[in-house]
Every structure is written in C-alpha cells, then in structure tokens.
Amino acid sequence: MASGRYSFIDIAVLEKIRGRFAAGETLILLSADLERVIWANGAGARLLGHPDVESVMDAAADLGFVARRQIAAAPGFPRMEGDHAMLVRLARGAT
C-alpha cells in the first residue's frame, strides 16, 4: 500500500482489516519505514496521542527506537503475511 491519505472506507474494505475494524479493535497502519501514519481508527489515533482520526492522518508516527526495532524484527517485515502476535512498547506520558 502506497503512502498517502486514505479515507476509512478505502481501508475498511480491505479483507485483512475489515473484521478487526468492525470488531472495534485498535488499528494503526504505518508507512514501511515506520515514520508516518498512513491511517488509524479512533482508538489508534488516541493510542498515538492524537484527539481524532483526522489529526493522525499522515502525521509522524513518533515511535520510539525500541518500538520501531520491535516491529522491524517481525518475520517478513515490511511485507508480513497473515496474523502475527506482537507486543510493542509505547512510552507515552512518562518522564
């Protein structure tokens, strides 16, 4: 998927996302370099510290080094197939 601005309908119709979107799961799609948010639902936007979906679109992902390293270490990254359980540390609000 090319980076750019996508509406929820462009994303929600994708087979691999549709069920999770309908179930209300937190969803965030990142660019292959993990630097930009391509799309996120409301819960995903809040997880990244944004108040709404519009403000997170094409924003900097602002992932820490550890989170980027954990995602990049996933088998097949960045073209992962199937479901992968993944635990990613996101430090927010801690000083």
C-alpha atoms as a PDB file:
ATOM      1  CA  MET A   1       0.000   0.000   0.000  1.00  0.00           C
ATOM      2  CA  ALA A   2       1.448   3.324  -1.057  1.00  0.00           C
ATOM      3  CA  SER A   3       1.764   6.106   1.485  1.00  0.00           C
ATOM      4  CA  GLY A   4      -0.819   8.820   1.198  1.00  0.00           C
ATOM      5  CA  ARG A   5      -4.117   9.920   2.656  1.00  0.00           C
ATOM      6  CA  TYR A   6      -6.818   7.261   2.791  1.00  0.00           C
ATOM      7  CA  SER A   7     -10.408   7.542   3.931  1.00  0.00           C
ATOM      8  CA  PHE A   8     -11.792   4.969   6.340  1.00  0.00           C
ATOM      9  CA  ILE A   9     -13.739   3.322   3.516  1.00  0.00           C
ATOM     10  CA  ASP A  10     -10.531   2.785   1.499  1.00  0.00           C
ATOM     11  CA  ILE A  11      -9.086   0.876   4.451  1.00  0.00           C
ATOM     12  CA  ALA A  12     -12.169  -0.782   5.945  1.00  0.00           C
ATOM     13  CA  VAL A  13     -12.912  -2.670   2.727  1.00  0.00           C
ATOM     14  CA  LEU A  14      -9.535  -4.439   2.797  1.00  0.00           C
ATOM     15  CA  GLU A  15     -10.146  -8.084   3.696  1.00  0.00           C
ATOM     16  CA  LYS A  16      -7.317  -8.269   6.253  1.00  0.00           C
ATOM     17  CA  ILE A  17      -8.627  -5.213   8.103  1.00  0.00           C
ATOM     18  CA  ARG A  18     -12.410  -5.383   7.724  1.00  0.00           C
ATOM     19  CA  GLY A  19     -13.119  -7.850  10.565  1.00  0.00           C
ATOM     20  CA  ARG A  20     -10.872  -6.105  13.048  1.00  0.00           C
ATOM     21  CA  PHE A  21     -12.269  -2.724  12.076  1.00  0.00           C
ATOM     22  CA  ALA A  22     -15.835  -3.996  12.565  1.00  0.00           C
ATOM     23  CA  ALA A  23     -14.853  -5.505  15.931  1.00  0.00           C
ATOM     24  CA  GLY A  24     -13.635  -2.103  17.117  1.00  0.00           C
ATOM     25  CA  GLU A  25     -10.016  -3.149  17.599  1.00  0.00           C
ATOM     26  CA  THR A  26      -7.311  -0.506  17.792  1.00  0.00           C
ATOM     27  CA  LEU A  27      -5.832  -0.197  14.299  1.00  0.00           C
ATOM     28  CA  ILE A  28      -2.844   1.761  13.022  1.00  0.00           C
ATOM     29  CA  LEU A  29      -1.290   1.433   9.565  1.00  0.00           C
ATOM     30  CA  LEU A  30       2.250   2.769   9.303  1.00  0.00           C
ATOM     31  CA  SER A  31       4.489   3.508   6.338  1.00  0.00           C
ATOM     32  CA  ALA A  32       7.084   0.830   5.596  1.00  0.00           C
ATOM     33  CA  ASP A  33       9.792   2.976   7.193  1.00  0.00           C
ATOM     34  CA  LEU A  34       7.619   3.277  10.350  1.00  0.00           C
ATOM     35  CA  GLU A  35       7.900   7.063  10.249  1.00  0.00           C
ATOM     36  CA  ARG A  36       4.368   8.130   9.127  1.00  0.00           C
ATOM     37  CA  VAL A  37       0.823   7.115   9.999  1.00  0.00           C
ATOM     38  CA  ILE A  38      -0.980   6.118   6.811  1.00  0.00           C
ATOM     39  CA  TRP A  39      -4.294   5.508   8.582  1.00  0.00           C
ATOM     40  CA  ALA A  40      -5.687   4.837  12.056  1.00  0.00           C
ATOM     41  CA  ASN A  41      -9.109   4.411  13.575  1.00  0.00           C
ATOM     42  CA  GLY A  42     -10.176   6.490  16.585  1.00  0.00           C
ATOM     43  CA  ALA A  43      -8.630   4.141  19.139  1.00  0.00           C
ATOM     44  CA  GLY A  44      -5.392   4.048  17.144  1.00  0.00           C
ATOM     45  CA  ALA A  45      -5.298   7.840  16.957  1.00  0.00           C
ATOM     46  CA  ARG A  46      -5.735   8.099  20.734  1.00  0.00           C
ATOM     47  CA  LEU A  47      -3.036   5.468  21.323  1.00  0.00           C
ATOM     48  CA  LEU A  48      -0.613   7.681  19.397  1.00  0.00           C
ATOM     49  CA  GLY A  49      -1.688  10.769  21.360  1.00  0.00           C
ATOM     50  CA  HIS A  50      -3.995  12.376  18.786  1.00  0.00           C
ATOM     51  CA  PRO A  51      -7.501  13.577  19.620  1.00  0.00           C
ATOM     52  CA  ASP A  52      -9.144  12.256  16.438  1.00  0.00           C
ATOM     53  CA  VAL A  53      -8.692  10.390  13.174  1.00  0.00           C
ATOM     54  CA  GLU A  54      -8.152  13.493  11.030  1.00  0.00           C
ATOM     55  CA  SER A  55      -5.235  14.761  13.108  1.00  0.00           C
ATOM     56  CA  VAL A  56      -3.343  11.453  12.937  1.00  0.00           C
ATOM     57  CA  MET A  57      -3.572  11.000   9.148  1.00  0.00           C
ATOM     58  CA  ASP A  58      -0.119  11.431   7.581  1.00  0.00           C
ATOM     59  CA  ALA A  59       1.297  12.545  10.945  1.00  0.00           C
ATOM     60  CA  ALA A  60       4.669  11.463  12.231  1.00  0.00           C
ATOM     61  CA  ALA A  61       4.314   8.066  13.915  1.00  0.00           C
ATOM     62  CA  ASP A  62       6.580   9.278  16.713  1.00  0.00           C
ATOM     63  CA  LEU A  63       7.501   5.736  17.709  1.00  0.00           C
ATOM     64  CA  GLY A  64      10.495   5.344  19.928  1.00  0.00           C
ATOM     65  CA  PHE A  65      13.577   3.430  18.867  1.00  0.00           C
ATOM     66  CA  VAL A  66      12.559   0.333  20.819  1.00  0.00           C
ATOM     67  CA  ALA A  67       9.066   0.188  19.257  1.00  0.00           C
ATOM     68  CA  ARG A  68      10.476   0.610  15.711  1.00  0.00           C
ATOM     69  CA  ARG A  69      13.068  -2.080  16.371  1.00  0.00           C
ATOM     70  CA  GLN A  70      10.433  -4.494  17.734  1.00  0.00           C
ATOM     71  CA  ILE A  71       8.171  -4.002  14.702  1.00  0.00           C
ATOM     72  CA  ALA A  72      11.057  -4.226  12.209  1.00  0.00           C
ATOM     73  CA  ALA A  73      12.184  -7.518  13.798  1.00  0.00           C
ATOM     74  CA  ALA A  74       8.855  -9.211  12.966  1.00  0.00           C
ATOM     75  CA  PRO A  75       9.234 -12.097  10.494  1.00  0.00           C
ATOM     76  CA  GLY A  76       8.752 -10.878   6.936  1.00  0.00           C
ATOM     77  CA  PHE A  77       8.780  -7.185   7.792  1.00  0.00           C
ATOM     78  CA  PRO A  78       7.726  -4.980   5.972  1.00  0.00           C
ATOM     79  CA  ARG A  79       5.683  -7.364   3.806  1.00  0.00           C
ATOM     80  CA  MET A  80       4.230  -9.525   6.552  1.00  0.00           C
ATOM     81  CA  GLU A  81       1.590 -12.085   5.626  1.00  0.00           C
ATOM     82  CA  GLY A  82      -1.073 -13.479   7.933  1.00  0.00           C
ATOM     83  CA  ASP A  83      -1.588 -12.716  11.585  1.00  0.00           C
ATOM     84  CA  HIS A  84       1.333 -12.058  13.892  1.00  0.00           C
ATOM     85  CA  ALA A  85       1.063 -11.611  17.622  1.00  0.00           C
ATOM     86  CA  MET A  86       3.297  -8.728  18.571  1.00  0.00           C
ATOM     87  CA  LEU A  87       3.988  -6.853  21.761  1.00  0.00           C
ATOM     88  CA  VAL A  88       5.301  -3.326  21.230  1.00  0.00           C
ATOM     89  CA  ARG A  89       6.363  -0.949  23.969  1.00  0.00           C
ATOM     90  CA  LEU A  90       4.927   2.525  23.522  1.00  0.00           C
ATOM     91  CA  ALA A  91       6.112   5.040  26.077  1.00  0.00           C
ATOM     92  CA  ARG A  92       3.561   7.819  26.439  1.00  0.00           C
ATOM     93  CA  GLY A  93       3.281  10.410  29.151  1.00  0.00           C
ATOM     94  CA  ALA A  94       6.235   9.143  31.164  1.00  0.00           C
ATOM     95  CA  THR A  95       9.081  11.443  32.034  1.00  0.00           C
END
